[in-house]
Amino acid sequence: MEQLGERLQEIGTHKDHAVYVAESDHRLVGWIHATVRILLESPSFVEIGGLVVDQTCRGEGIGRQLVETCERWAIQTGISSYLIRNFNHTQDF
């Protein structure tokens, strides 16, 4: 768990990364990590590298809310598309 804290702290120092959490009754029920990707082969995009929702809270729209929060962050940074890693699904917004 200590390594997770160190990684989270390091991510927090990069303006091209964002981490958001969802809470319910003061309990962590989900999180999302997104980063801006710049590649030669395509325009810049936001990659969602991790999205987790507590198993007991699935189906409540928490994941969708976290993705929408990342979409707003991406738009604020001037990015208009995103990729969800491991699903190989690109979505424009």
PDB file of N, CA and C in Angstrom:
ATOM      1  N   MET A   1       0.821  -1.188   0.000  1.00  0.00           N
ATOM      2  CA  MET A   1       0.000   0.000   0.000  1.00  0.00           C
ATOM      3  C   MET A   1       0.869   1.259   0.000  1.00  0.00           C
ATOM      4  N   GLU A   2       2.049   1.161   0.604  1.00  0.00           N
ATOM      5  CA  GLU A   2       2.956   2.305   0.635  1.00  0.00           C
ATOM      6  C   GLU A   2       3.364   2.709  -0.777  1.00  0.00           C
ATOM      7  N   GLN A   3       3.611   1.729  -1.647  1.00  0.00           N
ATOM      8  CA  GLN A   3       3.985   2.031  -3.033  1.00  0.00           C
ATOM      9  C   GLN A   3       2.863   2.763  -3.757  1.00  0.00           C
ATOM     10  N   LEU A   4       1.635   2.400  -3.468  1.00  0.00           N
ATOM     11  CA  LEU A   4       0.488   3.078  -4.077  1.00  0.00           C
ATOM     12  C   LEU A   4       0.479   4.554  -3.683  1.00  0.00           C
ATOM     13  N   GLY A   5       0.718   4.823  -2.424  1.00  0.00           N
ATOM     14  CA  GLY A   5       0.772   6.201  -1.954  1.00  0.00           C
ATOM     15  C   GLY A   5       1.884   6.992  -2.623  1.00  0.00           C
ATOM     16  N   GLU A   6       3.035   6.347  -2.805  1.00  0.00           N
ATOM     17  CA  GLU A   6       4.157   6.997  -3.473  1.00  0.00           C
ATOM     18  C   GLU A   6       3.813   7.291  -4.934  1.00  0.00           C
ATOM     19  N   ARG A   7       3.175   6.332  -5.620  1.00  0.00           N
ATOM     20  CA  ARG A   7       2.786   6.555  -7.015  1.00  0.00           C
ATOM     21  C   ARG A   7       1.760   7.668  -7.116  1.00  0.00           C
ATOM     22  N   LEU A   8       0.795   7.687  -6.211  1.00  0.00           N
ATOM     23  CA  LEU A   8      -0.228   8.728  -6.215  1.00  0.00           C
ATOM     24  C   LEU A   8       0.403  10.096  -5.987  1.00  0.00           C
ATOM     25  N   GLN A   9       1.343  10.170  -5.085  1.00  0.00           N
ATOM     26  CA  GLN A   9       2.035  11.424  -4.826  1.00  0.00           C
ATOM     27  C   GLN A   9       2.811  11.880  -6.063  1.00  0.00           C
ATOM     28  N   GLU A  10       3.476  10.949  -6.742  1.00  0.00           N
ATOM     29  CA  GLU A  10       4.215  11.293  -7.958  1.00  0.00           C
ATOM     30  C   GLU A  10       3.275  11.763  -9.067  1.00  0.00           C
ATOM     31  N   ILE A  11       2.164  11.061  -9.244  1.00  0.00           N
ATOM     32  CA  ILE A  11       1.185  11.453 -10.258  1.00  0.00           C
ATOM     33  C   ILE A  11       0.691  12.866  -9.994  1.00  0.00           C
ATOM     34  N   GLY A  12       0.519  13.215  -8.731  1.00  0.00           N
ATOM     35  CA  GLY A  12       0.024  14.539  -8.363  1.00  0.00           C
ATOM     36  C   GLY A  12       0.938  15.678  -8.768  1.00  0.00           C
ATOM     37  N   THR A  13       2.183  15.363  -9.087  1.00  0.00           N
ATOM     38  CA  THR A  13       3.119  16.412  -9.496  1.00  0.00           C
ATOM     39  C   THR A  13       3.073  16.683 -10.994  1.00  0.00           C
ATOM     40  N   HIS A  14       2.294  15.931 -11.735  1.00  0.00           N
ATOM     41  CA  HIS A  14       2.218  16.074 -13.186  1.00  0.00           C
ATOM     42  C   HIS A  14       0.879  16.684 -13.588  1.00  0.00           C
ATOM     43  N   LYS A  15       0.913  17.822 -14.268  1.00  0.00           N
ATOM     44  CA  LYS A  15      -0.325  18.495 -14.662  1.00  0.00           C
ATOM     45  C   LYS A  15      -1.055  17.766 -15.780  1.00  0.00           C
ATOM     46  N   ASP A  16      -0.385  16.823 -16.452  1.00  0.00           N
ATOM     47  CA  ASP A  16      -1.034  16.080 -17.531  1.00  0.00           C
ATOM     48  C   ASP A  16      -1.631  14.758 -17.038  1.00  0.00           C
ATOM     49  N   HIS A  17      -1.766  14.613 -15.724  1.00  0.00           N
ATOM     50  CA  HIS A  17      -2.434  13.460 -15.101  1.00  0.00           C
ATOM     51  C   HIS A  17      -3.557  13.975 -14.214  1.00  0.00           C
ATOM     52  N   ALA A  18      -4.597  13.172 -14.077  1.00  0.00           N
ATOM     53  CA  ALA A  18      -5.688  13.513 -13.162  1.00  0.00           C
ATOM     54  C   ALA A  18      -6.161  12.233 -12.475  1.00  0.00           C
ATOM     55  N   VAL A  19      -6.428  12.347 -11.196  1.00  0.00           N
ATOM     56  CA  VAL A  19      -6.999  11.248 -10.419  1.00  0.00           C
ATOM     57  C   VAL A  19      -8.204  11.805  -9.682  1.00  0.00           C
ATOM     58  N   TYR A  20      -9.327  11.122  -9.816  1.00  0.00           N
ATOM     59  CA  TYR A  20     -10.554  11.511  -9.125  1.00  0.00           C
ATOM     60  C   TYR A  20     -11.074  10.303  -8.358  1.00  0.00           C
ATOM     61  N   VAL A  21     -11.714  10.583  -7.223  1.00  0.00           N
ATOM     62  CA  VAL A  21     -12.284   9.512  -6.419  1.00  0.00           C
ATOM     63  C   VAL A  21     -13.764   9.772  -6.209  1.00  0.00           C
ATOM     64  N   ALA A  22     -14.476   8.702  -5.914  1.00  0.00           N
ATOM     65  CA  ALA A  22     -15.897   8.787  -5.566  1.00  0.00           C
ATOM     66  C   ALA A  22     -16.058   8.246  -4.147  1.00  0.00           C
ATOM     67  N   GLU A  23     -16.839   8.961  -3.356  1.00  0.00           N
ATOM     68  CA  GLU A  23     -17.090   8.550  -1.984  1.00  0.00           C
ATOM     69  C   GLU A  23     -18.588   8.400  -1.745  1.00  0.00           C
ATOM     70  N   SER A  24     -18.905   7.528  -0.832  1.00  0.00           N
ATOM     71  CA  SER A  24     -20.281   7.364  -0.377  1.00  0.00           C
ATOM     72  C   SER A  24     -20.232   7.102   1.120  1.00  0.00           C
ATOM     73  N   ASP A  25     -20.916   7.902   1.891  1.00  0.00           N
ATOM     74  CA  ASP A  25     -20.894   7.779   3.355  1.00  0.00           C
ATOM     75  C   ASP A  25     -19.467   7.759   3.892  1.00  0.00           C
ATOM     76  N   HIS A  26     -18.635   8.662   3.373  1.00  0.00           N
ATOM     77  CA  HIS A  26     -17.234   8.808   3.797  1.00  0.00           C
ATOM     78  C   HIS A  26     -16.398   7.555   3.526  1.00  0.00           C
ATOM     79  N   ARG A  27     -16.801   6.800   2.515  1.00  0.00           N
ATOM     80  CA  ARG A  27     -16.089   5.573   2.140  1.00  0.00           C
ATOM     81  C   ARG A  27     -15.732   5.658   0.667  1.00  0.00           C
ATOM     82  N   LEU A  28     -14.488   5.333   0.340  1.00  0.00           N
ATOM     83  CA  LEU A  28     -14.042   5.317  -1.047  1.00  0.00           C
ATOM     84  C   LEU A  28     -14.776   4.201  -1.793  1.00  0.00           C
ATOM     85  N   VAL A  29     -15.473   4.573  -2.874  1.00  0.00           N
ATOM     86  CA  VAL A  29     -16.220   3.570  -3.641  1.00  0.00           C
ATOM     87  C   VAL A  29     -15.777   3.502  -5.102  1.00  0.00           C
ATOM     88  N   GLY A  30     -14.858   4.382  -5.496  1.00  0.00           N
ATOM     89  CA  GLY A  30     -14.368   4.328  -6.863  1.00  0.00           C
ATOM     90  C   GLY A  30     -13.262   5.326  -7.105  1.00  0.00           C
ATOM     91  N   TRP A  31     -12.493   5.066  -8.151  1.00  0.00           N
ATOM     92  CA  TRP A  31     -11.454   6.009  -8.555  1.00  0.00           C
ATOM     93  C   TRP A  31     -11.191   5.870 -10.053  1.00  0.00           C
ATOM     94  N   ILE A  32     -10.592   6.936 -10.615  1.00  0.00           N
ATOM     95  CA  ILE A  32     -10.234   6.940 -12.024  1.00  0.00           C
ATOM     96  C   ILE A  32      -8.911   7.686 -12.168  1.00  0.00           C
ATOM     97  N   HIS A  33      -8.082   7.219 -13.080  1.00  0.00           N
ATOM     98  CA  HIS A  33      -6.800   7.874 -13.378  1.00  0.00           C
ATOM     99  C   HIS A  33      -6.753   8.107 -14.880  1.00  0.00           C
ATOM    100  N   ALA A  34      -6.478   9.345 -15.265  1.00  0.00           N
ATOM    101  CA  ALA A  34      -6.395   9.708 -16.676  1.00  0.00           C
ATOM    102  C   ALA A  34      -5.118  10.490 -16.921  1.00  0.00           C
ATOM    103  N   THR A  35      -4.603  10.382 -18.130  1.00  0.00           N
ATOM    104  CA  THR A  35      -3.401  11.107 -18.506  1.00  0.00           C
ATOM    105  C   THR A  35      -3.483  11.557 -19.959  1.00  0.00           C
ATOM    106  N   VAL A  36      -2.872  12.678 -20.246  1.00  0.00           N
ATOM    107  CA  VAL A  36      -2.793  13.156 -21.620  1.00  0.00           C
ATOM    108  C   VAL A  36      -1.705  12.366 -22.336  1.00  0.00           C
ATOM    109  N   ARG A  37      -2.039  11.848 -23.507  1.00  0.00           N
ATOM    110  CA  ARG A  37      -1.071  11.103 -24.318  1.00  0.00           C
ATOM    111  C   ARG A  37      -0.788  11.901 -25.579  1.00  0.00           C
ATOM    112  N   ILE A  38       0.489  12.040 -25.885  1.00  0.00           N
ATOM    113  CA  ILE A  38       0.930  12.731 -27.087  1.00  0.00           C
ATOM    114  C   ILE A  38       1.747  11.739 -27.904  1.00  0.00           C
ATOM    115  N   LEU A  39       1.245  11.412 -29.088  1.00  0.00           N
ATOM    116  CA  LEU A  39       1.902  10.437 -29.952  1.00  0.00           C
ATOM    117  C   LEU A  39       2.123  11.048 -31.329  1.00  0.00           C
ATOM    118  N   LEU A  40       3.125  10.585 -32.021  1.00  0.00           N
ATOM    119  CA  LEU A  40       3.366  11.054 -33.382  1.00  0.00           C
ATOM    120  C   LEU A  40       2.256  10.649 -34.334  1.00  0.00           C
ATOM    121  N   GLU A  41       1.665   9.495 -34.102  1.00  0.00           N
ATOM    122  CA  GLU A  41       0.713   8.928 -35.058  1.00  0.00           C
ATOM    123  C   GLU A  41      -0.697   9.482 -34.963  1.00  0.00           C
ATOM    124  N   SER A  42      -1.000  10.270 -33.920  1.00  0.00           N
ATOM    125  CA  SER A  42      -2.370  10.744 -33.771  1.00  0.00           C
ATOM    126  C   SER A  42      -2.394  12.045 -32.975  1.00  0.00           C
ATOM    127  N   PRO A  43      -3.523  12.749 -33.045  1.00  0.00           N
ATOM    128  CA  PRO A  43      -3.670  13.943 -32.211  1.00  0.00           C
ATOM    129  C   PRO A  43      -3.643  13.547 -30.724  1.00  0.00           C
ATOM    130  N   SER A  44      -3.342  14.491 -29.878  1.00  0.00           N
ATOM    131  CA  SER A  44      -3.333  14.225 -28.435  1.00  0.00           C
ATOM    132  C   SER A  44      -4.693  13.712 -27.982  1.00  0.00           C
ATOM    133  N   PHE A  45      -4.677  12.848 -26.989  1.00  0.00           N
ATOM    134  CA  PHE A  45      -5.910  12.312 -26.424  1.00  0.00           C
ATOM    135  C   PHE A  45      -5.694  12.028 -24.947  1.00  0.00           C
ATOM    136  N   VAL A  46      -6.773  11.815 -24.227  1.00  0.00           N
ATOM    137  CA  VAL A  46      -6.694  11.426 -22.821  1.00  0.00           C
ATOM    138  C   VAL A  46      -6.891   9.926 -22.743  1.00  0.00           C
ATOM    139  N   GLU A  47      -5.991   9.272 -22.033  1.00  0.00           N
ATOM    140  CA  GLU A  47      -6.097   7.824 -21.822  1.00  0.00           C
ATOM    141  C   GLU A  47      -6.541   7.574 -20.387  1.00  0.00           C
ATOM    142  N   ILE A  48      -7.604   6.823 -20.248  1.00  0.00           N
ATOM    143  CA  ILE A  48      -8.046   6.402 -18.922  1.00  0.00           C
ATOM    144  C   ILE A  48      -7.312   5.103 -18.622  1.00  0.00           C
ATOM    145  N   GLY A  49      -6.338   5.204 -17.732  1.00  0.00           N
ATOM    146  CA  GLY A  49      -5.481   4.070 -17.424  1.00  0.00           C
ATOM    147  C   GLY A  49      -6.018   3.193 -16.306  1.00  0.00           C
ATOM    148  N   GLY A  50      -6.960   3.693 -15.543  1.00  0.00           N
ATOM    149  CA  GLY A  50      -7.534   2.904 -14.459  1.00  0.00           C
ATOM    150  C   GLY A  50      -8.885   3.453 -14.068  1.00  0.00           C
ATOM    151  N   LEU A  51      -9.831   2.561 -13.908  1.00  0.00           N
ATOM    152  CA  LEU A  51     -11.182   2.913 -13.454  1.00  0.00           C
ATOM    153  C   LEU A  51     -11.687   1.752 -12.616  1.00  0.00           C
ATOM    154  N   VAL A  52     -11.935   2.031 -11.348  1.00  0.00           N
ATOM    155  CA  VAL A  52     -12.377   0.981 -10.425  1.00  0.00           C
ATOM    156  C   VAL A  52     -13.583   1.488  -9.652  1.00  0.00           C
ATOM    157  N   VAL A  53     -14.609   0.649  -9.573  1.00  0.00           N
ATOM    158  CA  VAL A  53     -15.784   0.937  -8.751  1.00  0.00           C
ATOM    159  C   VAL A  53     -15.998  -0.257  -7.836  1.00  0.00           C
ATOM    160  N   ASP A  54     -16.212   0.035  -6.558  1.00  0.00           N
ATOM    161  CA  ASP A  54     -16.450  -1.018  -5.568  1.00  0.00           C
ATOM    162  C   ASP A  54     -17.562  -1.939  -6.066  1.00  0.00           C
ATOM    163  N   GLN A  55     -17.333  -3.218  -5.945  1.00  0.00           N
ATOM    164  CA  GLN A  55     -18.278  -4.226  -6.436  1.00  0.00           C
ATOM    165  C   GLN A  55     -19.677  -4.032  -5.859  1.00  0.00           C
ATOM    166  N   THR A  56     -19.773  -3.593  -4.626  1.00  0.00           N
ATOM    167  CA  THR A  56     -21.090  -3.427  -3.990  1.00  0.00           C
ATOM    168  C   THR A  56     -21.833  -2.195  -4.488  1.00  0.00           C
ATOM    169  N   CYS A  57     -21.145  -1.330  -5.251  1.00  0.00           N
ATOM    170  CA  CYS A  57     -21.757  -0.080  -5.729  1.00  0.00           C
ATOM    171  C   CYS A  57     -21.939  -0.050  -7.234  1.00  0.00           C
ATOM    172  N   ARG A  58     -21.614  -1.128  -7.904  1.00  0.00           N
ATOM    173  CA  ARG A  58     -21.723  -1.132  -9.362  1.00  0.00           C
ATOM    174  C   ARG A  58     -23.183  -1.046  -9.781  1.00  0.00           C
ATOM    175  N   GLY A  59     -23.403  -0.393 -10.917  1.00  0.00           N
ATOM    176  CA  GLY A  59     -24.759  -0.208 -11.416  1.00  0.00           C
ATOM    177  C   GLY A  59     -25.418   1.059 -10.901  1.00  0.00           C
ATOM    178  N   GLU A  60     -24.691   1.843 -10.100  1.00  0.00           N
ATOM    179  CA  GLU A  60     -25.241   3.069  -9.534  1.00  0.00           C
ATOM    180  C   GLU A  60     -24.811   4.318 -10.307  1.00  0.00           C
ATOM    181  N   GLY A  61     -24.075   4.131 -11.396  1.00  0.00           N
ATOM    182  CA  GLY A  61     -23.649   5.273 -12.202  1.00  0.00           C
ATOM    183  C   GLY A  61     -22.360   5.926 -11.742  1.00  0.00           C
ATOM    184  N   ILE A  62     -21.675   5.332 -10.792  1.00  0.00           N
ATOM    185  CA  ILE A  62     -20.444   5.916 -10.267  1.00  0.00           C
ATOM    186  C   ILE A  62     -19.363   5.945 -11.339  1.00  0.00           C
ATOM    187  N   GLY A  63     -19.192   4.862 -12.065  1.00  0.00           N
ATOM    188  CA  GLY A  63     -18.191   4.811 -13.129  1.00  0.00           C
ATOM    189  C   GLY A  63     -18.469   5.865 -14.190  1.00  0.00           C
ATOM    190  N   ARG A  64     -19.711   5.997 -14.581  1.00  0.00           N
ATOM    191  CA  ARG A  64     -20.080   6.998 -15.587  1.00  0.00           C
ATOM    192  C   ARG A  64     -19.767   8.416 -15.083  1.00  0.00           C
ATOM    193  N   GLN A  65     -20.066   8.678 -13.815  1.00  0.00           N
ATOM    194  CA  GLN A  65     -19.765   9.988 -13.245  1.00  0.00           C
ATOM    195  C   GLN A  65     -18.264  10.260 -13.245  1.00  0.00           C
ATOM    196  N   LEU A  66     -17.470   9.260 -12.932  1.00  0.00           N
ATOM    197  CA  LEU A  66     -16.016   9.430 -12.939  1.00  0.00           C
ATOM    198  C   LEU A  66     -15.506   9.698 -14.356  1.00  0.00           C
ATOM    199  N   VAL A  67     -16.031   8.966 -15.335  1.00  0.00           N
ATOM    200  CA  VAL A  67     -15.627   9.188 -16.731  1.00  0.00           C
ATOM    201  C   VAL A  67     -16.034  10.586 -17.170  1.00  0.00           C
ATOM    202  N   GLU A  68     -17.230  11.022 -16.825  1.00  0.00           N
ATOM    203  CA  GLU A  68     -17.690  12.362 -17.193  1.00  0.00           C
ATOM    204  C   GLU A  68     -16.803  13.438 -16.557  1.00  0.00           C
ATOM    205  N   THR A  69     -16.343  13.204 -15.343  1.00  0.00           N
ATOM    206  CA  THR A  69     -15.430  14.145 -14.693  1.00  0.00           C
ATOM    207  C   THR A  69     -14.127  14.237 -15.472  1.00  0.00           C
ATOM    208  N   CYS A  70     -13.621  13.101 -15.937  1.00  0.00           N
ATOM    209  CA  CYS A  70     -12.400  13.105 -16.752  1.00  0.00           C
ATOM    210  C   CYS A  70     -12.643  13.772 -18.105  1.00  0.00           C
ATOM    211  N   GLU A  71     -13.822  13.588 -18.659  1.00  0.00           N
ATOM    212  CA  GLU A  71     -14.151  14.261 -19.920  1.00  0.00           C
ATOM    213  C   GLU A  71     -14.082  15.782 -19.743  1.00  0.00           C
ATOM    214  N   ARG A  72     -14.644  16.277 -18.647  1.00  0.00           N
ATOM    215  CA  ARG A  72     -14.605  17.723 -18.394  1.00  0.00           C
ATOM    216  C   ARG A  72     -13.156  18.192 -18.218  1.00  0.00           C
ATOM    217  N   TRP A  73     -12.348  17.418 -17.509  1.00  0.00           N
ATOM    218  CA  TRP A  73     -10.939  17.756 -17.324  1.00  0.00           C
ATOM    219  C   TRP A  73     -10.229  17.791 -18.679  1.00  0.00           C
ATOM    220  N   ALA A  74     -10.489  16.809 -19.524  1.00  0.00           N
ATOM    221  CA  ALA A  74      -9.853  16.749 -20.844  1.00  0.00           C
ATOM    222  C   ALA A  74     -10.220  17.970 -21.676  1.00  0.00           C
ATOM    223  N   ILE A  75     -11.481  18.327 -21.683  1.00  0.00           N
ATOM    224  CA  ILE A  75     -11.937  19.487 -22.448  1.00  0.00           C
ATOM    225  C   ILE A  75     -11.255  20.753 -21.934  1.00  0.00           C
ATOM    226  N   GLN A  76     -11.110  20.872 -20.622  1.00  0.00           N
ATOM    227  CA  GLN A  76     -10.437  22.034 -20.047  1.00  0.00           C
ATOM    228  C   GLN A  76      -8.975  22.106 -20.479  1.00  0.00           C
ATOM    229  N   THR A  77      -8.363  20.954 -20.753  1.00  0.00           N
ATOM    230  CA  THR A  77      -6.967  20.935 -21.188  1.00  0.00           C
ATOM    231  C   THR A  77      -6.843  21.016 -22.707  1.00  0.00           C
ATOM    232  N   GLY A  78      -7.982  21.115 -23.413  1.00  0.00           N
ATOM    233  CA  GLY A  78      -7.963  21.260 -24.867  1.00  0.00           C
ATOM    234  C   GLY A  78      -7.961  19.953 -25.640  1.00  0.00           C
ATOM    235  N   ILE A  79      -8.292  18.857 -24.986  1.00  0.00           N
ATOM    236  CA  ILE A  79      -8.314  17.541 -25.629  1.00  0.00           C
ATOM    237  C   ILE A  79      -9.764  17.172 -25.927  1.00  0.00           C
ATOM    238  N   SER A  80      -9.998  16.565 -27.110  1.00  0.00           N
ATOM    239  CA  SER A  80     -11.387  16.277 -27.492  1.00  0.00           C
ATOM    240  C   SER A  80     -11.683  14.792 -27.694  1.00  0.00           C
ATOM    241  N   SER A  81     -10.762  13.898 -27.325  1.00  0.00           N
ATOM    242  CA  SER A  81     -11.074  12.474 -27.412  1.00  0.00           C
ATOM    243  C   SER A  81     -10.339  11.725 -26.303  1.00  0.00           C
ATOM    244  N   TYR A  82     -10.818  10.526 -26.008  1.00  0.00           N
ATOM    245  CA  TYR A  82     -10.164   9.734 -24.980  1.00  0.00           C
ATOM    246  C   TYR A  82     -10.144   8.263 -25.362  1.00  0.00           C
ATOM    247  N   LEU A  83      -9.283   7.531 -24.693  1.00  0.00           N
ATOM    248  CA  LEU A  83      -9.127   6.096 -24.897  1.00  0.00           C
ATOM    249  C   LEU A  83      -9.193   5.431 -23.537  1.00  0.00           C
ATOM    250  N   ILE A  84      -9.965   4.383 -23.440  1.00  0.00           N
ATOM    251  CA  ILE A  84      -9.993   3.602 -22.216  1.00  0.00           C
ATOM    252  C   ILE A  84      -9.098   2.392 -22.436  1.00  0.00           C
ATOM    253  N   ARG A  85      -7.976   2.357 -21.733  1.00  0.00           N
ATOM    254  CA  ARG A  85      -7.016   1.288 -21.912  1.00  0.00           C
ATOM    255  C   ARG A  85      -7.634  -0.059 -21.548  1.00  0.00           C
ATOM    256  N   ASN A  86      -7.179  -1.100 -22.209  1.00  0.00           N
ATOM    257  CA  ASN A  86      -7.619  -2.486 -22.043  1.00  0.00           C
ATOM    258  C   ASN A  86      -8.942  -2.780 -22.733  1.00  0.00           C
ATOM    259  N   PHE A  87      -9.683  -1.756 -23.109  1.00  0.00           N
ATOM    260  CA  PHE A  87     -10.913  -1.971 -23.855  1.00  0.00           C
ATOM    261  C   PHE A  87     -10.699  -1.619 -25.318  1.00  0.00           C
ATOM    262  N   ASN A  88      -9.596  -0.922 -25.620  1.00  0.00           N
ATOM    263  CA  ASN A  88      -9.267  -0.495 -26.955  1.00  0.00           C
ATOM    264  C   ASN A  88     -10.461   0.195 -27.621  1.00  0.00           C
ATOM    265  N   HIS A  89     -11.070   1.087 -26.874  1.00  0.00           N
ATOM    266  CA  HIS A  89     -12.260   1.800 -27.333  1.00  0.00           C
ATOM    267  C   HIS A  89     -11.984   3.290 -27.269  1.00  0.00           C
ATOM    268  N   THR A  90     -12.044   3.963 -28.387  1.00  0.00           N
ATOM    269  CA  THR A  90     -11.820   5.405 -28.432  1.00  0.00           C
ATOM    270  C   THR A  90     -13.165   6.109 -28.579  1.00  0.00           C
ATOM    271  N   GLN A  91     -13.334   7.170 -27.804  1.00  0.00           N
ATOM    272  CA  GLN A  91     -14.602   7.897 -27.798  1.00  0.00           C
ATOM    273  C   GLN A  91     -14.324   9.383 -27.933  1.00  0.00           C
ATOM    274  N   ASP A  92     -15.040  10.054 -28.819  1.00  0.00           N
ATOM    275  CA  ASP A  92     -14.951  11.496 -28.927  1.00  0.00           C
ATOM    276  C   ASP A  92     -16.052  12.124 -28.098  1.00  0.00           C
ATOM    277  N   PHE A  93     -15.805  13.326 -27.585  1.00  0.00           N
ATOM    278  CA  PHE A  93     -16.826  14.041 -26.832  1.00  0.00           C
ATOM    279  C   PHE A  93     -16.738  15.513 -27.118  1.00  0.00           C
TER     280      PHE A  93
END
